[in-house]
Amino acid sequence: MLKFSRFPTLLLACACMAPLAGCATGGTKGDTAYVARDVSSLYGAAQRTMQGGDYVRAAKLFDEVERQHPYSVWARHAQVMSAFNYYLAQKYNEAISSGQRFLTIHPGSDEAPYAQYIVAMSYYQQIADVTRDQTTTQQASEAFNELIRRYPETRYAADARLKLDLIKDHLAGKDMEIGRYYQRSARWLAATYRFRNVVDNFQTTSHAPEALERLVESYLALGMPDEAWKAAAVLGKNYPETYWYRQSLRLLRSEQRHTGMWTAEAPKPGAVTPGATVAPAAPEGPKANAYPQGRTPGGQ
């Protein structure tokens, strides 16, 4: 499971946004979440419980604010704070449920971008390594894209764009893992589908050069030398200084020497073949599993 740093101070200040919170009374450690109390003392108890580090109990107390006082000015903010505390407790499914419920009831609220961010980060924290199922990774991608679509000018959208770059690299890494497995099993056609997907849909990730080189390998194994030359040409155009381009040249030259299948019209490595799609060069960046460290939304 991925880990991230704590919320920035500005986000953590969200806990103190409710009116009159500093005047709240009551709410000792022995209180239960279900004792009926006036709204200010109940909210104050939830805040103090959160500050004491008992995040699950704090989340339940914030839920009680909404349940016992649904029409108060405290209730809406308490819903967001419930999602936040479930997140801090690493109860990510509960955080997602709480955040999505808030978004359903208050889609136009000023706090809606924050709630959507908690939902997205709760999926993000559950991303598994590339050897495992990536359903949660895809859900994180969809949640961050929804955040950017609905609230493009917020600070949360800016962070979502950074997270999406890492998610794309991770998803590309999954395709590479499967493609390499197919190669080891000599299932060359299936391998080309995976490597082609990386080249077509994740061309700005760190995996694109290797995907192109492995397309050269797979096409040669399938007896498709023209396609191998095209993949090498794109590789040479975009990543001429990489190990993967040098390796593709070695493979093509070896194939030419041993089979004699190449003609004088065969394209030279590094020359872009007419009709070949040139992928934009991938920027330097973190690898597929190089996620920031920490455990709360906003970790950079």
C-alpha atoms as a PDB file:
ATOM      1  CA  MET A   1       0.000   0.000   0.000  1.00  0.00           C
ATOM      2  CA  LEU A   2       1.241   3.447  -0.881  1.00  0.00           C
ATOM      3  CA  LYS A   3       2.067   5.916   1.881  1.00  0.00           C
ATOM      4  CA  PHE A   4       2.045   9.697   1.869  1.00  0.00           C
ATOM      5  CA  SER A   5       2.989  12.604   4.125  1.00  0.00           C
ATOM      6  CA  ARG A   6       0.429  14.396   6.270  1.00  0.00           C
ATOM      7  CA  PHE A   7      -1.848  17.136   4.998  1.00  0.00           C
ATOM      8  CA  PRO A   8      -0.277  20.549   4.555  1.00  0.00           C
ATOM      9  CA  THR A   9      -1.081  22.937   7.413  1.00  0.00           C
ATOM     10  CA  LEU A  10      -3.589  24.768   5.235  1.00  0.00           C
ATOM     11  CA  LEU A  11      -5.602  21.602   4.673  1.00  0.00           C
ATOM     12  CA  LEU A  12      -5.433  20.501   8.281  1.00  0.00           C
ATOM     13  CA  ALA A  13      -6.821  23.896   9.236  1.00  0.00           C
ATOM     14  CA  CYS A  14     -10.018  22.634   7.661  1.00  0.00           C
ATOM     15  CA  ALA A  15     -10.686  21.014  11.031  1.00  0.00           C
ATOM     16  CA  CYS A  16     -11.184  24.428  12.615  1.00  0.00           C
ATOM     17  CA  MET A  17     -13.472  25.994  10.026  1.00  0.00           C
ATOM     18  CA  ALA A  18     -16.819  25.379  11.749  1.00  0.00           C
ATOM     19  CA  PRO A  19     -18.287  28.391  13.605  1.00  0.00           C
ATOM     20  CA  LEU A  20     -17.970  28.572  17.367  1.00  0.00           C
ATOM     21  CA  ALA A  21     -15.848  25.423  17.503  1.00  0.00           C
ATOM     22  CA  GLY A  22     -13.500  27.055  19.983  1.00  0.00           C
ATOM     23  CA  CYS A  23     -16.432  27.546  22.403  1.00  0.00           C
ATOM     24  CA  ALA A  24     -17.543  23.909  22.371  1.00  0.00           C
ATOM     25  CA  THR A  25     -17.752  22.125  25.690  1.00  0.00           C
ATOM     26  CA  GLY A  26     -18.212  18.551  26.888  1.00  0.00           C
ATOM     27  CA  GLY A  27     -17.175  15.436  25.031  1.00  0.00           C
ATOM     28  CA  THR A  28     -14.812  13.673  27.450  1.00  0.00           C
ATOM     29  CA  LYS A  29     -12.867  10.608  26.394  1.00  0.00           C
ATOM     30  CA  GLY A  30     -15.506   8.288  27.862  1.00  0.00           C
ATOM     31  CA  ASP A  31     -18.365   9.723  25.787  1.00  0.00           C
ATOM     32  CA  THR A  32     -19.941   7.456  23.183  1.00  0.00           C
ATOM     33  CA  ALA A  33     -20.818   8.610  19.696  1.00  0.00           C
ATOM     34  CA  TYR A  34     -24.529   8.018  20.205  1.00  0.00           C
ATOM     35  CA  VAL A  35     -25.327  10.122  23.288  1.00  0.00           C
ATOM     36  CA  ALA A  36     -27.638  12.982  22.331  1.00  0.00           C
ATOM     37  CA  ARG A  37     -25.913  16.327  22.894  1.00  0.00           C
ATOM     38  CA  ASP A  38     -26.221  19.908  21.774  1.00  0.00           C
ATOM     39  CA  VAL A  39     -24.510  20.535  18.472  1.00  0.00           C
ATOM     40  CA  SER A  40     -21.627  22.668  19.746  1.00  0.00           C
ATOM     41  CA  SER A  41     -20.506  20.223  22.428  1.00  0.00           C
ATOM     42  CA  LEU A  42     -20.836  17.265  20.037  1.00  0.00           C
ATOM     43  CA  TYR A  43     -18.772  18.999  17.363  1.00  0.00           C
ATOM     44  CA  GLY A  44     -16.208  20.089  19.947  1.00  0.00           C
ATOM     45  CA  ALA A  45     -15.900  16.506  21.208  1.00  0.00           C
ATOM     46  CA  ALA A  46     -15.306  15.321  17.643  1.00  0.00           C
ATOM     47  CA  GLN A  47     -12.558  17.909  17.158  1.00  0.00           C
ATOM     48  CA  ARG A  48     -10.766  17.025  20.371  1.00  0.00           C
ATOM     49  CA  THR A  49     -11.001  13.326  19.602  1.00  0.00           C
ATOM     50  CA  MET A  50      -9.401  13.959  16.206  1.00  0.00           C
ATOM     51  CA  GLN A  51      -6.636  16.042  17.771  1.00  0.00           C
ATOM     52  CA  GLY A  52      -6.011  13.162  20.188  1.00  0.00           C
ATOM     53  CA  GLY A  53      -5.406  10.802  17.272  1.00  0.00           C
ATOM     54  CA  ASP A  54      -8.491   8.591  17.642  1.00  0.00           C
ATOM     55  CA  TYR A  55      -9.599   9.118  14.074  1.00  0.00           C
ATOM     56  CA  VAL A  56     -12.204   6.362  13.797  1.00  0.00           C
ATOM     57  CA  ARG A  57     -14.059   7.591  16.876  1.00  0.00           C
ATOM     58  CA  ALA A  58     -13.726  11.183  15.669  1.00  0.00           C
ATOM     59  CA  ALA A  59     -15.284  10.199  12.340  1.00  0.00           C
ATOM     60  CA  LYS A  60     -18.218   8.611  14.151  1.00  0.00           C
ATOM     61  CA  LEU A  61     -18.688  11.710  16.278  1.00  0.00           C
ATOM     62  CA  PHE A  62     -18.728  13.898  13.161  1.00  0.00           C
ATOM     63  CA  ASP A  63     -21.306  11.504  11.698  1.00  0.00           C
ATOM     64  CA  GLU A  64     -23.381  12.050  14.825  1.00  0.00           C
ATOM     65  CA  VAL A  65     -23.307  15.808  14.294  1.00  0.00           C
ATOM     66  CA  GLU A  66     -25.015  15.285  10.970  1.00  0.00           C
ATOM     67  CA  ARG A  67     -27.399  12.618  12.299  1.00  0.00           C
ATOM     68  CA  GLN A  68     -28.513  14.497  15.406  1.00  0.00           C
ATOM     69  CA  HIS A  69     -28.485  18.006  13.916  1.00  0.00           C
ATOM     70  CA  PRO A  70     -29.016  17.583  10.151  1.00  0.00           C
ATOM     71  CA  TYR A  71     -30.235  21.151   9.560  1.00  0.00           C
ATOM     72  CA  SER A  72     -27.594  22.959  11.589  1.00  0.00           C
ATOM     73  CA  VAL A  73     -24.783  25.014  10.101  1.00  0.00           C
ATOM     74  CA  TRP A  74     -22.412  22.385  11.496  1.00  0.00           C
ATOM     75  CA  ALA A  75     -23.802  19.367   9.671  1.00  0.00           C
ATOM     76  CA  ARG A  76     -22.365  19.929   6.194  1.00  0.00           C
ATOM     77  CA  HIS A  77     -18.810  20.539   7.403  1.00  0.00           C
ATOM     78  CA  ALA A  78     -19.094  17.566   9.765  1.00  0.00           C
ATOM     79  CA  GLN A  79     -19.686  15.295   6.753  1.00  0.00           C
ATOM     80  CA  VAL A  80     -16.396  16.388   5.188  1.00  0.00           C
ATOM     81  CA  MET A  81     -14.586  16.002   8.490  1.00  0.00           C
ATOM     82  CA  SER A  82     -15.969  12.481   8.815  1.00  0.00           C
ATOM     83  CA  ALA A  83     -14.455  11.535   5.441  1.00  0.00           C
ATOM     84  CA  PHE A  84     -11.172  13.195   6.418  1.00  0.00           C
ATOM     85  CA  ASN A  85     -10.918  11.279   9.695  1.00  0.00           C
ATOM     86  CA  TYR A  86     -11.713   7.953   8.071  1.00  0.00           C
ATOM     87  CA  TYR A  87      -8.901   8.761   5.669  1.00  0.00           C
ATOM     88  CA  LEU A  88      -6.487   9.515   8.510  1.00  0.00           C
ATOM     89  CA  ALA A  89      -7.446   6.187  10.087  1.00  0.00           C
ATOM     90  CA  GLN A  90      -6.656   4.462   6.765  1.00  0.00           C
ATOM     91  CA  LYS A  91     -10.277   3.325   6.547  1.00  0.00           C
ATOM     92  CA  TYR A  92     -10.275   4.151   2.863  1.00  0.00           C
ATOM     93  CA  ASN A  93     -13.525   2.485   1.859  1.00  0.00           C
ATOM     94  CA  GLU A  94     -15.356   4.383   4.605  1.00  0.00           C
ATOM     95  CA  ALA A  95     -13.657   7.620   3.518  1.00  0.00           C
ATOM     96  CA  ILE A  96     -14.777   7.031  -0.071  1.00  0.00           C
ATOM     97  CA  SER A  97     -18.340   6.288   1.007  1.00  0.00           C
ATOM     98  CA  SER A  98     -18.510   9.354   3.245  1.00  0.00           C
ATOM     99  CA  GLY A  99     -16.971  11.648   0.615  1.00  0.00           C
ATOM    100  CA  GLN A 100     -19.253  10.395  -2.154  1.00  0.00           C
ATOM    101  CA  ARG A 101     -22.323  10.848   0.053  1.00  0.00           C
ATOM    102  CA  PHE A 102     -21.325  14.471   0.654  1.00  0.00           C
ATOM    103  CA  LEU A 103     -20.871  15.030  -3.090  1.00  0.00           C
ATOM    104  CA  THR A 104     -24.300  13.553  -3.805  1.00  0.00           C
ATOM    105  CA  ILE A 105     -26.006  15.859  -1.298  1.00  0.00           C
ATOM    106  CA  HIS A 106     -23.872  18.990  -1.747  1.00  0.00           C
ATOM    107  CA  PRO A 107     -22.382  18.947  -5.278  1.00  0.00           C
ATOM    108  CA  GLY A 108     -22.175  22.748  -5.439  1.00  0.00           C
ATOM    109  CA  SER A 109     -20.645  23.294  -2.021  1.00  0.00           C
ATOM    110  CA  ASP A 110     -17.385  25.170  -1.586  1.00  0.00           C
ATOM    111  CA  GLU A 111     -16.108  22.025   0.117  1.00  0.00           C
ATOM    112  CA  ALA A 112     -17.059  19.705  -2.760  1.00  0.00           C
ATOM    113  CA  PRO A 113     -13.577  19.878  -4.391  1.00  0.00           C
ATOM    114  CA  TYR A 114     -12.022  18.848  -1.069  1.00  0.00           C
ATOM    115  CA  ALA A 115     -14.455  15.946  -0.689  1.00  0.00           C
ATOM    116  CA  GLN A 116     -13.689  14.768  -4.233  1.00  0.00           C
ATOM    117  CA  TYR A 117      -9.980  15.008  -3.453  1.00  0.00           C
ATOM    118  CA  ILE A 118     -10.384  12.801  -0.378  1.00  0.00           C
ATOM    119  CA  VAL A 119     -12.257  10.230  -2.485  1.00  0.00           C
ATOM    120  CA  ALA A 120      -9.517  10.233  -5.148  1.00  0.00           C
ATOM    121  CA  MET A 121      -6.705  10.035  -2.609  1.00  0.00           C
ATOM    122  CA  SER A 122      -8.445   7.158  -0.824  1.00  0.00           C
ATOM    123  CA  TYR A 123      -8.305   5.157  -4.047  1.00  0.00           C
ATOM    124  CA  TYR A 124      -4.746   6.342  -4.673  1.00  0.00           C
ATOM    125  CA  GLN A 125      -3.530   5.072  -1.311  1.00  0.00           C
ATOM    126  CA  GLN A 126      -4.723   1.572  -2.183  1.00  0.00           C
ATOM    127  CA  ILE A 127      -2.794   1.254  -5.447  1.00  0.00           C
ATOM    128  CA  ALA A 128      -1.009  -2.088  -5.518  1.00  0.00           C
ATOM    129  CA  ASP A 129       2.267  -2.912  -7.238  1.00  0.00           C
ATOM    130  CA  VAL A 130       2.207  -3.726 -10.940  1.00  0.00           C
ATOM    131  CA  THR A 131       2.138  -7.491 -10.377  1.00  0.00           C
ATOM    132  CA  ARG A 132      -1.377  -7.242  -8.913  1.00  0.00           C
ATOM    133  CA  ASP A 133      -4.823  -6.234 -10.147  1.00  0.00           C
ATOM    134  CA  GLN A 134      -5.037  -2.542 -11.077  1.00  0.00           C
ATOM    135  CA  THR A 135      -8.773  -1.922 -10.644  1.00  0.00           C
ATOM    136  CA  THR A 136      -8.119   0.510  -7.798  1.00  0.00           C
ATOM    137  CA  THR A 137      -5.515   2.304  -9.900  1.00  0.00           C
ATOM    138  CA  GLN A 138      -8.106   2.856 -12.606  1.00  0.00           C
ATOM    139  CA  GLN A 139     -10.619   4.075 -10.022  1.00  0.00           C
ATOM    140  CA  ALA A 140      -8.060   6.565  -8.726  1.00  0.00           C
ATOM    141  CA  SER A 141      -7.479   7.788 -12.265  1.00  0.00           C
ATOM    142  CA  GLU A 142     -11.206   8.274 -12.836  1.00  0.00           C
ATOM    143  CA  ALA A 143     -11.653  10.107  -9.520  1.00  0.00           C
ATOM    144  CA  PHE A 144      -8.760  12.496 -10.210  1.00  0.00           C
ATOM    145  CA  ASN A 145     -10.030  13.130 -13.746  1.00  0.00           C
ATOM    146  CA  GLU A 146     -13.458  13.912 -12.327  1.00  0.00           C
ATOM    147  CA  LEU A 147     -11.855  16.364  -9.906  1.00  0.00           C
ATOM    148  CA  ILE A 148     -10.054  18.117 -12.760  1.00  0.00           C
ATOM    149  CA  ARG A 149     -13.191  18.173 -14.913  1.00  0.00           C
ATOM    150  CA  ARG A 150     -15.490  19.620 -12.255  1.00  0.00           C
ATOM    151  CA  TYR A 151     -13.114  21.856 -10.315  1.00  0.00           C
ATOM    152  CA  PRO A 152     -10.278  22.731 -12.728  1.00  0.00           C
ATOM    153  CA  GLU A 153      -9.113  25.923 -11.007  1.00  0.00           C
ATOM    154  CA  THR A 154      -8.698  24.541  -7.495  1.00  0.00           C
ATOM    155  CA  ARG A 155      -5.442  23.653  -5.768  1.00  0.00           C
ATOM    156  CA  TYR A 156      -6.710  20.069  -5.569  1.00  0.00           C
ATOM    157  CA  ALA A 157      -6.943  19.882  -9.368  1.00  0.00           C
ATOM    158  CA  ALA A 158      -3.329  20.994  -9.660  1.00  0.00           C
ATOM    159  CA  ASP A 159      -2.209  18.156  -7.391  1.00  0.00           C
ATOM    160  CA  ALA A 160      -4.508  15.739  -9.226  1.00  0.00           C
ATOM    161  CA  ARG A 161      -2.622  16.403 -12.466  1.00  0.00           C
ATOM    162  CA  LEU A 162       0.641  15.401 -10.809  1.00  0.00           C
ATOM    163  CA  LYS A 163      -0.923  12.255  -9.375  1.00  0.00           C
ATOM    164  CA  LEU A 164      -2.320  11.317 -12.782  1.00  0.00           C
ATOM    165  CA  ASP A 165       1.174  11.342 -14.278  1.00  0.00           C
ATOM    166  CA  LEU A 166       2.246   8.785 -11.674  1.00  0.00           C
ATOM    167  CA  ILE A 167      -0.896   6.731 -12.220  1.00  0.00           C
ATOM    168  CA  LYS A 168      -0.311   6.603 -15.983  1.00  0.00           C
ATOM    169  CA  ASP A 169       3.235   5.415 -15.397  1.00  0.00           C
ATOM    170  CA  HIS A 170       1.895   2.749 -13.060  1.00  0.00           C
ATOM    171  CA  LEU A 171      -0.735   1.538 -15.541  1.00  0.00           C
ATOM    172  CA  ALA A 172       1.887   1.448 -18.281  1.00  0.00           C
ATOM    173  CA  GLY A 173       4.077  -0.594 -15.969  1.00  0.00           C
ATOM    174  CA  LYS A 174       1.269  -3.130 -15.602  1.00  0.00           C
ATOM    175  CA  ASP A 175       0.992  -3.516 -19.378  1.00  0.00           C
ATOM    176  CA  MET A 176       4.757  -3.934 -19.595  1.00  0.00           C
ATOM    177  CA  GLU A 177       4.687  -6.620 -16.903  1.00  0.00           C
ATOM    178  CA  ILE A 178       2.036  -8.584 -18.789  1.00  0.00           C
ATOM    179  CA  GLY A 179       3.742  -8.041 -22.141  1.00  0.00           C
ATOM    180  CA  ARG A 180       7.045  -9.362 -20.834  1.00  0.00           C
ATOM    181  CA  TYR A 181       5.235 -12.411 -19.434  1.00  0.00           C
ATOM    182  CA  TYR A 182       3.721 -13.100 -22.859  1.00  0.00           C
ATOM    183  CA  GLN A 183       7.166 -12.795 -24.429  1.00  0.00           C
ATOM    184  CA  ARG A 184       8.615 -15.328 -21.993  1.00  0.00           C
ATOM    185  CA  SER A 185       5.750 -17.651 -22.961  1.00  0.00           C
ATOM    186  CA  ALA A 186       6.416 -17.051 -26.681  1.00  0.00           C
ATOM    187  CA  ARG A 187       2.927 -15.555 -27.066  1.00  0.00           C
ATOM    188  CA  TRP A 188       4.226 -12.892 -29.367  1.00  0.00           C
ATOM    189  CA  LEU A 189       0.955 -11.532 -30.738  1.00  0.00           C
ATOM    190  CA  ALA A 190      -0.496 -11.042 -27.262  1.00  0.00           C
ATOM    191  CA  ALA A 191       2.741  -9.312 -26.253  1.00  0.00           C
ATOM    192  CA  THR A 192       2.494  -6.856 -29.149  1.00  0.00           C
ATOM    193  CA  TYR A 193      -1.004  -5.808 -28.030  1.00  0.00           C
ATOM    194  CA  ARG A 194       0.322  -4.854 -24.582  1.00  0.00           C
ATOM    195  CA  PHE A 195       3.402  -3.011 -25.861  1.00  0.00           C
ATOM    196  CA  ARG A 196       1.336  -1.279 -28.533  1.00  0.00           C
ATOM    197  CA  ASN A 197      -1.055  -0.033 -25.839  1.00  0.00           C
ATOM    198  CA  VAL A 198       1.854   1.538 -23.958  1.00  0.00           C
ATOM    199  CA  VAL A 199       3.115   3.255 -27.115  1.00  0.00           C
ATOM    200  CA  ASP A 200      -0.343   4.488 -28.126  1.00  0.00           C
ATOM    201  CA  ASN A 201      -1.842   5.456 -24.747  1.00  0.00           C
ATOM    202  CA  PHE A 202       1.079   6.005 -22.367  1.00  0.00           C
ATOM    203  CA  GLN A 203       3.654   7.456 -24.712  1.00  0.00           C
ATOM    204  CA  THR A 204       4.791  10.164 -22.278  1.00  0.00           C
ATOM    205  CA  THR A 205       5.669   7.664 -19.545  1.00  0.00           C
ATOM    206  CA  SER A 206       9.064   6.231 -18.706  1.00  0.00           C
ATOM    207  CA  HIS A 207       8.064   2.876 -20.250  1.00  0.00           C
ATOM    208  CA  ALA A 208       7.674   4.033 -23.866  1.00  0.00           C
ATOM    209  CA  PRO A 209      11.288   3.349 -25.016  1.00  0.00           C
ATOM    210  CA  GLU A 210      11.271  -0.213 -23.687  1.00  0.00           C
ATOM    211  CA  ALA A 211       7.822  -0.833 -25.183  1.00  0.00           C
ATOM    212  CA  LEU A 212       9.103   0.152 -28.632  1.00  0.00           C
ATOM    213  CA  GLU A 213      12.176  -2.082 -28.336  1.00  0.00           C
ATOM    214  CA  ARG A 214      10.036  -5.009 -27.244  1.00  0.00           C
ATOM    215  CA  LEU A 215       7.791  -4.409 -30.223  1.00  0.00           C
ATOM    216  CA  VAL A 216      10.900  -4.858 -32.383  1.00  0.00           C
ATOM    217  CA  GLU A 217      11.577  -8.193 -30.647  1.00  0.00           C
ATOM    218  CA  SER A 218       7.980  -9.369 -30.984  1.00  0.00           C
ATOM    219  CA  TYR A 219       7.573  -8.343 -34.614  1.00  0.00           C
ATOM    220  CA  LEU A 220      10.798 -10.138 -35.557  1.00  0.00           C
ATOM    221  CA  ALA A 221       9.578 -13.262 -33.767  1.00  0.00           C
ATOM    222  CA  LEU A 222       6.302 -13.030 -35.706  1.00  0.00           C
ATOM    223  CA  GLY A 223       8.149 -12.699 -39.020  1.00  0.00           C
ATOM    224  CA  MET A 224       7.052  -9.082 -39.530  1.00  0.00           C
ATOM    225  CA  PRO A 225      10.340  -7.296 -40.310  1.00  0.00           C
ATOM    226  CA  ASP A 226       8.713  -4.197 -41.806  1.00  0.00           C
ATOM    227  CA  GLU A 227       6.827  -3.539 -38.583  1.00  0.00           C
ATOM    228  CA  ALA A 228      10.013  -4.150 -36.593  1.00  0.00           C
ATOM    229  CA  TRP A 229      11.850  -1.531 -38.668  1.00  0.00           C
ATOM    230  CA  LYS A 230       9.028   0.952 -38.142  1.00  0.00           C
ATOM    231  CA  ALA A 231       9.096   0.504 -34.366  1.00  0.00           C
ATOM    232  CA  ALA A 232      12.878   0.929 -34.376  1.00  0.00           C
ATOM    233  CA  ALA A 233      12.565   4.074 -36.486  1.00  0.00           C
ATOM    234  CA  VAL A 234      10.166   5.664 -34.004  1.00  0.00           C
ATOM    235  CA  LEU A 235      12.453   4.611 -31.171  1.00  0.00           C
ATOM    236  CA  GLY A 236      15.482   6.139 -32.878  1.00  0.00           C
ATOM    237  CA  LYS A 237      13.635   9.362 -33.642  1.00  0.00           C
ATOM    238  CA  ASN A 238      12.425   9.918 -30.082  1.00  0.00           C
ATOM    239  CA  TYR A 239      14.950   8.139 -27.868  1.00  0.00           C
ATOM    240  CA  PRO A 240      18.212   7.884 -29.861  1.00  0.00           C
ATOM    241  CA  GLU A 241      20.517   7.841 -26.816  1.00  0.00           C
ATOM    242  CA  THR A 242      18.788   5.062 -24.913  1.00  0.00           C
ATOM    243  CA  TYR A 243      19.864   1.478 -24.282  1.00  0.00           C
ATOM    244  CA  TRP A 244      16.590   0.353 -25.869  1.00  0.00           C
ATOM    245  CA  TYR A 245      17.430   1.945 -29.216  1.00  0.00           C
ATOM    246  CA  ARG A 246      20.904   0.407 -29.246  1.00  0.00           C
ATOM    247  CA  GLN A 247      19.398  -2.965 -28.426  1.00  0.00           C
ATOM    248  CA  SER A 248      16.871  -2.671 -31.248  1.00  0.00           C
ATOM    249  CA  LEU A 249      19.697  -1.942 -33.719  1.00  0.00           C
ATOM    250  CA  ARG A 250      21.606  -5.022 -32.533  1.00  0.00           C
ATOM    251  CA  LEU A 251      18.526  -7.185 -33.056  1.00  0.00           C
ATOM    252  CA  LEU A 252      17.809  -5.834 -36.530  1.00  0.00           C
ATOM    253  CA  ARG A 253      21.393  -6.119 -37.718  1.00  0.00           C
ATOM    254  CA  SER A 254      21.680  -9.639 -36.320  1.00  0.00           C
ATOM    255  CA  GLU A 255      18.458 -10.613 -38.060  1.00  0.00           C
ATOM    256  CA  GLN A 256      19.720  -9.158 -41.329  1.00  0.00           C
ATOM    257  CA  ARG A 257      23.028 -11.047 -41.126  1.00  0.00           C
ATOM    258  CA  HIS A 258      21.476 -14.387 -40.259  1.00  0.00           C
ATOM    259  CA  THR A 259      18.451 -14.415 -42.536  1.00  0.00           C
ATOM    260  CA  GLY A 260      19.401 -12.150 -45.416  1.00  0.00           C
ATOM    261  CA  MET A 261      15.768 -11.079 -45.548  1.00  0.00           C
ATOM    262  CA  TRP A 262      16.494  -7.379 -45.882  1.00  0.00           C
ATOM    263  CA  THR A 263      16.580  -5.689 -49.275  1.00  0.00           C
ATOM    264  CA  ALA A 264      18.262  -2.510 -50.388  1.00  0.00           C
ATOM    265  CA  GLU A 265      14.923  -0.754 -49.913  1.00  0.00           C
ATOM    266  CA  ALA A 266      14.738  -1.622 -46.224  1.00  0.00           C
ATOM    267  CA  PRO A 267      14.720   1.539 -44.094  1.00  0.00           C
ATOM    268  CA  LYS A 268      17.810   2.310 -42.101  1.00  0.00           C
ATOM    269  CA  PRO A 269      17.523   2.363 -38.310  1.00  0.00           C
ATOM    270  CA  GLY A 270      16.878   5.901 -37.128  1.00  0.00           C
ATOM    271  CA  ALA A 271      15.115   6.961 -40.309  1.00  0.00           C
ATOM    272  CA  VAL A 272      11.407   7.541 -39.811  1.00  0.00           C
ATOM    273  CA  THR A 273       9.441   5.226 -42.049  1.00  0.00           C
ATOM    274  CA  PRO A 274       6.637   6.879 -44.033  1.00  0.00           C
ATOM    275  CA  GLY A 275       3.386   6.330 -42.197  1.00  0.00           C
ATOM    276  CA  ALA A 276       5.037   5.596 -38.864  1.00  0.00           C
ATOM    277  CA  THR A 277       3.575   7.427 -35.896  1.00  0.00           C
ATOM    278  CA  VAL A 278       6.138   9.381 -33.937  1.00  0.00           C
ATOM    279  CA  ALA A 279       5.354   9.467 -30.252  1.00  0.00           C
ATOM    280  CA  PRO A 280       6.310  12.595 -28.316  1.00  0.00           C
ATOM    281  CA  ALA A 281       9.391  12.181 -26.179  1.00  0.00           C
ATOM    282  CA  ALA A 282       8.732  11.172 -22.590  1.00  0.00           C
ATOM    283  CA  PRO A 283       9.837  13.702 -19.987  1.00  0.00           C
ATOM    284  CA  GLU A 284      12.290  12.701 -17.316  1.00  0.00           C
ATOM    285  CA  GLY A 285      10.366  11.634 -14.246  1.00  0.00           C
ATOM    286  CA  PRO A 286       9.729   9.008 -11.591  1.00  0.00           C
ATOM    287  CA  LYS A 287       9.411   5.340 -12.403  1.00  0.00           C
ATOM    288  CA  ALA A 288       6.178   3.401 -12.190  1.00  0.00           C
ATOM    289  CA  ASN A 289       6.338   2.768  -8.457  1.00  0.00           C
ATOM    290  CA  ALA A 290       8.057   6.004  -7.417  1.00  0.00           C
ATOM    291  CA  TYR A 291       5.186   7.447  -5.418  1.00  0.00           C
ATOM    292  CA  PRO A 292       5.630  10.181  -2.797  1.00  0.00           C
ATOM    293  CA  GLN A 293       5.931   8.963   0.756  1.00  0.00           C
ATOM    294  CA  GLY A 294       3.493   9.706   3.565  1.00  0.00           C
ATOM    295  CA  ARG A 295      -0.076   8.870   4.366  1.00  0.00           C
ATOM    296  CA  THR A 296      -2.507  11.744   3.854  1.00  0.00           C
ATOM    297  CA  PRO A 297      -3.935  13.640   0.896  1.00  0.00           C
ATOM    298  CA  GLY A 298      -1.725  16.412  -0.378  1.00  0.00           C
ATOM    299  CA  GLY A 299       1.576  14.553   0.176  1.00  0.00           C
ATOM    300  CA  GLN A 300       4.118  15.724  -2.380  1.00  0.00           C
END
